Protein backbone atom coordinates (compact mmCIF):
# COMPACT_ATOMS: atom_id res chain seq x y z
CA UNK A 1 -14.38 28.08 12.75
CA UNK A 2 -10.93 29.10 11.62
CA UNK A 3 -8.67 28.16 8.75
CA UNK A 4 -5.30 26.62 9.65
CA UNK A 5 -2.35 25.71 7.49
CA UNK A 6 -1.44 22.03 7.83
CA UNK A 7 -2.03 19.50 10.56
CA UNK A 8 -3.29 20.27 14.06
CA UNK A 9 -0.57 20.97 16.62
CA UNK A 10 -2.37 18.91 19.25
CA UNK A 11 -3.62 15.55 18.00
CA UNK A 12 -5.10 14.46 21.32
CA UNK A 13 -8.62 13.11 20.89
CA UNK A 14 -8.32 12.82 17.11
CA UNK A 15 -8.92 9.53 15.30
CA UNK A 16 -5.94 7.60 13.97
CA UNK A 17 -7.39 7.62 10.42
CA UNK A 18 -7.33 11.43 10.48
CA UNK A 19 -3.72 11.58 11.71
CA UNK A 20 -2.70 9.01 9.04
CA UNK A 21 -4.17 11.35 6.41
CA UNK A 22 -2.03 14.27 7.61
CA UNK A 23 1.05 12.02 7.80
CA UNK A 24 0.48 10.85 4.21
CA UNK A 25 -0.09 14.35 2.82
CA UNK A 26 2.95 15.69 4.70
CA UNK A 27 5.14 12.83 3.39
CA UNK A 28 4.17 13.83 -0.17
CA UNK A 29 4.88 17.51 0.43
CA UNK A 30 1.27 18.46 -0.33
CA UNK A 31 0.25 21.82 1.14
CA UNK A 32 -3.24 21.88 2.66
CA UNK A 33 -5.43 24.09 4.76
CA UNK A 34 -7.75 22.73 7.45
CA UNK A 35 -10.78 23.77 9.39
CA UNK A 36 -12.29 21.86 12.30
CA UNK A 37 -16.05 21.81 12.82
CA UNK A 38 -19.00 19.84 14.10
CA UNK A 39 -20.21 17.06 11.82
CA UNK A 40 -21.96 18.96 9.03
CA UNK A 41 -25.42 17.41 8.80
CA UNK A 42 -27.22 20.20 6.95
CA UNK A 43 -26.57 22.13 3.76
CA UNK A 44 -26.29 25.31 5.84
CA UNK A 45 -23.50 23.77 7.90
CA UNK A 46 -21.75 22.57 4.73
CA UNK A 47 -22.03 26.02 3.20
CA UNK A 48 -20.44 27.53 6.30
CA UNK A 49 -17.48 25.13 6.01
CA UNK A 50 -17.17 25.92 2.28
CA UNK A 51 -17.05 29.62 3.09
CA UNK A 52 -14.24 29.17 5.62
CA UNK A 53 -12.24 27.02 3.18
CA UNK A 54 -12.95 29.27 0.21
CA UNK A 55 -13.85 26.23 -1.89
CA UNK A 56 -16.90 24.01 -2.35
CA UNK A 57 -16.34 20.58 -0.85
CA UNK A 58 -16.91 17.86 -3.44
CA UNK A 59 -19.82 15.50 -3.18
CA UNK A 60 -18.22 12.06 -2.71
CA UNK A 61 -20.35 9.00 -3.35
CA UNK A 62 -19.26 5.43 -2.65
CA UNK A 63 -21.03 3.19 -5.13
CA UNK A 64 -21.05 -0.45 -6.20
CA UNK A 65 -22.58 -2.69 -8.82
CA UNK A 66 -25.40 -5.07 -7.90
CA UNK A 67 -23.06 -8.03 -7.47
CA UNK A 68 -20.76 -6.02 -5.19
CA UNK A 69 -17.79 -6.96 -7.36
CA UNK A 70 -16.98 -3.42 -8.48
CA UNK A 71 -16.71 -0.39 -6.19
CA UNK A 72 -16.51 3.25 -7.26
CA UNK A 73 -15.73 6.53 -5.55
CA UNK A 74 -17.41 9.36 -7.44
CA UNK A 75 -16.27 12.96 -6.93
CA UNK A 76 -18.65 15.57 -8.27
CA UNK A 77 -19.58 19.19 -7.59
CA UNK A 78 -21.73 19.49 -4.49
CA UNK A 79 -24.43 21.41 -6.31
CA UNK A 80 -24.95 18.82 -9.08
CA UNK A 81 -27.67 16.18 -8.87
CA UNK A 82 -26.55 12.57 -9.11
CA UNK A 83 -28.34 10.47 -11.73
CA UNK A 84 -27.41 6.78 -11.57
CA UNK A 85 -28.43 6.12 -15.16
CA UNK A 86 -26.20 8.90 -16.45
CA UNK A 87 -23.11 7.45 -14.74
CA UNK A 88 -23.91 3.80 -15.44
CA UNK A 89 -23.82 4.39 -19.19
CA UNK A 90 -20.37 6.00 -19.01
CA UNK A 91 -18.69 3.27 -16.97
CA UNK A 92 -20.49 0.27 -18.46
CA UNK A 93 -21.98 -0.86 -15.18
CA UNK A 94 -25.70 -1.15 -14.78
CA UNK A 95 -27.55 -1.28 -11.49
CA UNK A 96 -25.30 1.02 -9.51
CA UNK A 97 -26.26 1.65 -5.92
CA UNK A 98 -24.75 3.09 -2.78
CA UNK A 99 -22.29 0.69 -1.20
CA UNK A 100 -22.83 -0.55 2.34
CA UNK A 101 -21.13 1.14 5.31
CA UNK A 102 -19.24 -2.12 5.96
CA UNK A 103 -17.68 -1.94 2.48
CA UNK A 104 -16.79 1.71 3.00
CA UNK A 105 -14.96 0.76 6.21
CA UNK A 106 -13.36 -2.32 4.64
CA UNK A 107 -11.94 -0.62 1.54
CA UNK A 108 -11.50 3.05 2.50
CA UNK A 109 -11.39 2.96 6.34
CA UNK A 110 -14.12 5.62 6.29
CA UNK A 111 -17.55 5.80 7.87
CA UNK A 112 -20.72 7.29 6.33
CA UNK A 113 -20.59 11.09 6.25
CA UNK A 114 -16.81 11.08 5.89
CA UNK A 115 -16.40 9.71 2.35
CA UNK A 116 -13.39 11.34 0.72
CA UNK A 117 -10.74 10.80 -1.93
CA UNK A 118 -8.30 10.64 1.01
CA UNK A 119 -9.70 7.16 1.76
CA UNK A 120 -7.95 5.82 -1.35
CA UNK A 121 -4.69 5.81 0.63
CA UNK A 122 -6.26 2.95 2.65
CA UNK A 123 -7.31 0.94 -0.43
CA UNK A 124 -4.13 -1.11 -0.67
CA UNK A 125 -5.82 -3.78 -2.81
CA UNK A 126 -7.00 -1.19 -5.36
CA UNK A 127 -10.60 -2.42 -5.20
CA UNK A 128 -12.10 1.06 -5.62
CA UNK A 129 -12.13 2.86 -8.99
CA UNK A 130 -12.06 6.65 -8.80
CA UNK A 131 -14.47 8.57 -11.04
CA UNK A 132 -14.13 12.36 -11.21
CA UNK A 133 -16.65 14.67 -12.82
CA UNK A 134 -14.88 16.91 -15.34
CA UNK A 135 -16.09 20.04 -13.54
CA UNK A 136 -14.12 19.07 -10.41
CA UNK A 137 -10.94 18.85 -12.48
CA UNK A 138 -11.46 22.40 -13.79
CA UNK A 139 -11.20 23.90 -10.29
CA UNK A 140 -7.84 25.10 -8.96
CA UNK A 141 -8.58 23.77 -5.46
CA UNK A 142 -10.72 21.04 -4.01
CA UNK A 143 -12.19 20.45 -0.60
CA UNK A 144 -12.53 17.10 1.14
CA UNK A 145 -12.53 15.41 4.54
CA UNK A 146 -9.37 13.86 6.06
CA UNK A 147 -11.24 10.53 6.49
CA UNK A 148 -13.42 12.01 9.27
CA UNK A 149 -16.35 14.42 9.04
CA UNK A 150 -15.32 16.89 11.75
CA UNK A 151 -12.49 18.46 9.76
CA UNK A 152 -12.25 19.59 6.16
CA UNK A 153 -9.26 20.24 3.92
CA UNK A 154 -8.49 22.49 0.99
CA UNK A 155 -5.66 21.65 -1.39
CA UNK A 156 -4.60 22.15 -4.98
CA UNK A 157 -6.46 19.87 -7.38
CA UNK A 158 -3.19 19.45 -9.29
CA UNK A 159 -1.46 18.08 -6.14
CA UNK A 160 -4.23 15.55 -5.61
CA UNK A 161 -4.04 14.37 -9.23
CA UNK A 162 -0.26 14.50 -9.72
CA UNK A 163 1.06 13.59 -6.24
CA UNK A 164 -1.63 11.99 -4.06
CA UNK A 165 -3.18 9.59 -6.56
CA UNK A 166 0.11 8.20 -7.92
CA UNK A 167 1.30 7.65 -4.33
CA UNK A 168 -1.84 5.57 -3.64
CA UNK A 169 -1.47 3.63 -6.89
CA UNK A 170 -4.86 4.84 -8.12
CA UNK A 171 -5.73 6.38 -11.44
CA UNK A 172 -9.07 7.93 -12.30
CA UNK A 173 -11.66 8.07 -15.03
CA UNK A 174 -13.15 11.42 -16.02
CA UNK A 175 -16.93 11.41 -16.31
CA UNK A 176 -19.36 13.99 -17.67
CA UNK A 177 -22.40 14.45 -15.44
CA UNK A 178 -25.16 16.88 -16.29
CA UNK A 179 -27.38 16.07 -13.32
CA UNK A 180 -30.55 17.37 -14.91
CA UNK A 181 -33.89 15.63 -15.25
């Protein structure tokens, strides 16, 4: 694996949702670094990608309430445990669960394993509320997928918050997750 600045020179064989991500970031003047890799199915593989990027990729969880009337994208540090009860209390939504793959595709144009804040550019109806753990916001850079799980990106957290999110029409709510039993 290598680290590259910006989009791939040759886009042959790449999914349209990935290319749309690069187009969107480029149109906003957001600088990013990229590494291409096999789908990372183990923590060891994820750690290897993190090492190449020089940043820990955020854990991104796509959640919904029981009625499936509210959808949430939670960004949190990869090494923190997720406790449903802890988050539910902060957002006033009980019975949170993982959303279905069909909803992920419908709202974010992303498939399981590829969940990323980049998917918000596809949520034109603003059906997904972004929740960011405060520890993610403290980091200078963040790592995420470009809507596919065979590439990973590194970019300035400030650019994501101040350029990317406004361009998608999404705000965010800061949450405090401890992740301990």
